[in-house]
Amino acid sequence: MAEFYDIPFSFSKLISKQHLDKVELRVSIENHIKGLLLTGYHSYRFDIEYGCNLKDYDFELIANVNTWRHIVERNLQQSVTKYETRVKNVRVRVKIEEVSYNKEHDNKNVSIRKKLTINVECVIRSTNQLIQLPEMSIFISPLSFI
């Protein structure tokens, strides 16, 4: 039974007092975790610790990729564990790749960015169901999402 509000929700529906779309528990958890991963610290004024530190690494030179990957995985796992209380046994895996491409179809102007591929799996507390979120890819330097 769909009992959780879908995000993002329609402000026009809210203002006009129309029915807001609802989703199942699994989808609600997926939406919340995705939002949590895309929110930087200090972005939510009522709790400055809400979010994760991905934006802290934007434009930063990374000396040891494996060490940095473990730090990011630990940070994301701690954030999900703390703020998505409907789940347990959170496991986060991050894969880091360097991606190069030509800007504006100019073969002389090559840009290299880091691509993070994030996989999150966890267990829903109320049902003991294992869920795996859809894989999410994020580019840093500069930060952008696909």
Protein backbone atom coordinates (compact mmCIF):
# COMPACT_ATOMS: atom_id res chain seq x y z
CA MET A 1 0.00 0.00 0.00
CA ALA A 2 1.38 3.41 -0.99
CA GLU A 3 1.58 5.48 2.17
CA PHE A 4 4.60 7.76 1.73
CA TYR A 5 4.69 10.99 -0.23
CA ASP A 6 6.72 10.90 -3.41
CA ILE A 7 9.58 13.37 -3.74
CA PRO A 8 9.93 15.74 -5.32
CA PHE A 9 6.28 16.58 -4.87
CA SER A 10 4.24 19.07 -6.82
CA PHE A 11 4.00 22.42 -5.05
CA SER A 12 1.16 23.42 -7.33
CA LYS A 13 -0.84 20.41 -6.14
CA LEU A 14 0.00 21.23 -2.54
CA ILE A 15 -1.08 24.86 -2.86
CA SER A 16 -4.30 23.96 -4.66
CA LYS A 17 -5.00 21.25 -2.04
CA GLN A 18 -4.99 18.44 -4.60
CA HIS A 19 -4.03 14.87 -3.81
CA LEU A 20 -0.25 14.38 -3.62
CA ASP A 21 1.28 11.26 -5.17
CA LYS A 22 2.24 8.50 -2.76
CA VAL A 23 4.73 5.65 -3.10
CA GLU A 24 5.56 2.35 -1.44
CA LEU A 25 8.05 2.08 1.44
CA ARG A 26 10.90 0.83 -0.78
CA VAL A 27 10.57 3.76 -3.22
CA SER A 28 10.33 6.23 -0.34
CA ILE A 29 13.56 4.87 1.13
CA GLU A 30 15.30 5.00 -2.26
CA ASN A 31 14.18 8.60 -2.79
CA HIS A 32 15.36 9.67 0.65
CA ILE A 33 18.78 8.01 0.35
CA LYS A 34 19.33 9.53 -3.09
CA GLY A 35 18.43 12.97 -1.73
CA LEU A 36 20.72 12.43 1.24
CA LEU A 37 23.65 11.54 -1.03
CA LEU A 38 23.06 14.61 -3.20
CA THR A 39 22.87 17.01 -0.25
CA GLY A 40 26.06 18.61 1.03
CA TYR A 41 26.74 19.38 4.67
CA HIS A 42 25.36 22.72 5.86
CA SER A 43 22.70 22.69 3.11
CA TYR A 44 19.86 21.91 5.51
CA ARG A 45 19.71 24.69 8.05
CA PHE A 46 17.83 22.69 10.68
CA ASP A 47 20.59 20.06 10.84
CA ILE A 48 23.95 21.08 9.36
CA GLU A 49 25.23 17.49 9.58
CA TYR A 50 22.48 16.20 7.25
CA GLY A 51 23.92 15.10 3.92
CA CYS A 52 27.35 13.88 2.90
CA ASN A 53 30.74 15.28 2.01
CA LEU A 54 30.89 14.72 -1.78
CA LYS A 55 30.84 18.45 -2.46
CA ASP A 56 33.88 18.88 -0.21
CA TYR A 57 35.98 17.07 -2.81
CA ASP A 58 34.90 19.14 -5.78
CA PHE A 59 38.01 20.49 -7.58
CA GLU A 60 40.30 18.85 -5.04
CA LEU A 61 43.39 16.96 -6.13
CA ILE A 62 43.18 13.43 -4.78
CA ALA A 63 46.56 11.97 -3.90
CA ASN A 64 45.52 8.42 -3.00
CA VAL A 65 42.34 7.29 -4.76
CA ASN A 66 41.85 4.12 -2.68
CA THR A 67 42.14 5.97 0.62
CA TRP A 68 39.74 8.63 -0.64
CA ARG A 69 37.28 5.98 -1.88
CA HIS A 70 37.23 4.36 1.58
CA ILE A 71 36.67 7.73 3.24
CA VAL A 72 33.76 8.50 0.89
CA GLU A 73 32.22 5.05 1.37
CA ARG A 74 32.45 5.37 5.16
CA ASN A 75 30.99 8.88 5.10
CA LEU A 76 28.07 7.86 2.89
CA GLN A 77 27.39 4.76 4.99
CA GLN A 78 27.39 6.81 8.21
CA SER A 79 25.01 9.39 6.74
CA VAL A 80 22.55 6.77 5.48
CA THR A 81 22.70 4.88 8.78
CA LYS A 82 22.10 8.04 10.80
CA TYR A 83 19.36 9.67 8.72
CA GLU A 84 17.44 6.79 7.11
CA THR A 85 16.29 5.01 10.24
CA ARG A 86 13.94 2.68 8.37
CA VAL A 87 16.93 0.60 7.21
CA LYS A 88 19.79 -1.36 8.75
CA ASN A 89 22.93 -3.17 7.54
CA VAL A 90 23.80 -0.35 5.15
CA ARG A 91 26.53 -1.15 2.66
CA VAL A 92 27.96 1.46 0.29
CA ARG A 93 30.36 0.74 -2.56
CA VAL A 94 32.02 3.47 -4.59
CA LYS A 95 33.87 2.94 -7.85
CA ILE A 96 36.08 5.76 -9.14
CA GLU A 97 37.00 6.23 -12.79
CA GLU A 98 38.72 8.98 -14.71
CA VAL A 99 36.67 9.98 -17.71
CA SER A 100 38.08 12.09 -20.51
CA TYR A 101 36.10 13.73 -23.26
CA ASN A 102 36.42 16.47 -25.83
CA LYS A 103 34.71 19.72 -25.04
CA GLU A 104 32.49 21.15 -27.75
CA HIS A 105 33.76 18.63 -30.29
CA ASP A 106 37.25 20.17 -30.25
CA ASN A 107 39.78 17.34 -30.36
CA LYS A 108 42.45 19.61 -28.87
CA ASN A 109 40.53 20.52 -25.72
CA VAL A 110 40.31 17.41 -23.50
CA SER A 111 38.70 17.44 -20.09
CA ILE A 112 39.34 14.77 -17.47
CA ARG A 113 36.88 14.31 -14.64
CA LYS A 114 36.40 11.79 -11.89
CA LYS A 115 33.25 9.68 -12.11
CA LEU A 116 31.92 8.10 -8.95
CA THR A 117 29.57 5.16 -9.33
CA ILE A 118 27.72 4.62 -6.07
CA ASN A 119 25.91 1.43 -5.06
CA VAL A 120 23.90 1.27 -1.84
CA GLU A 121 22.24 -1.78 -0.40
CA CYS A 122 20.48 -2.14 2.92
CA VAL A 123 17.78 -4.06 4.74
CA ILE A 124 14.35 -2.60 5.47
CA ARG A 125 13.87 -2.93 9.23
CA SER A 126 10.12 -3.59 9.19
CA THR A 127 10.22 -6.34 6.56
CA ASN A 128 13.83 -7.60 6.67
CA GLN A 129 13.86 -7.16 2.89
CA LEU A 130 17.23 -6.54 1.25
CA ILE A 131 17.09 -3.67 -1.23
CA GLN A 132 19.66 -2.39 -3.66
CA LEU A 133 19.25 1.17 -4.88
CA PRO A 134 19.62 1.88 -8.57
CA GLU A 135 23.25 2.67 -9.34
CA MET A 136 23.98 6.39 -9.23
CA SER A 137 26.79 8.13 -11.11
CA ILE A 138 28.22 11.47 -10.05
CA PHE A 139 30.97 13.48 -11.72
CA ILE A 140 33.22 15.66 -9.62
CA SER A 141 35.50 18.50 -10.67
CA PRO A 142 33.06 20.14 -11.23
CA LEU A 143 30.29 18.31 -9.42
CA SER A 144 27.38 17.13 -11.57
CA PHE A 145 24.92 14.24 -11.53
CA ILE A 146 23.61 11.85 -14.17
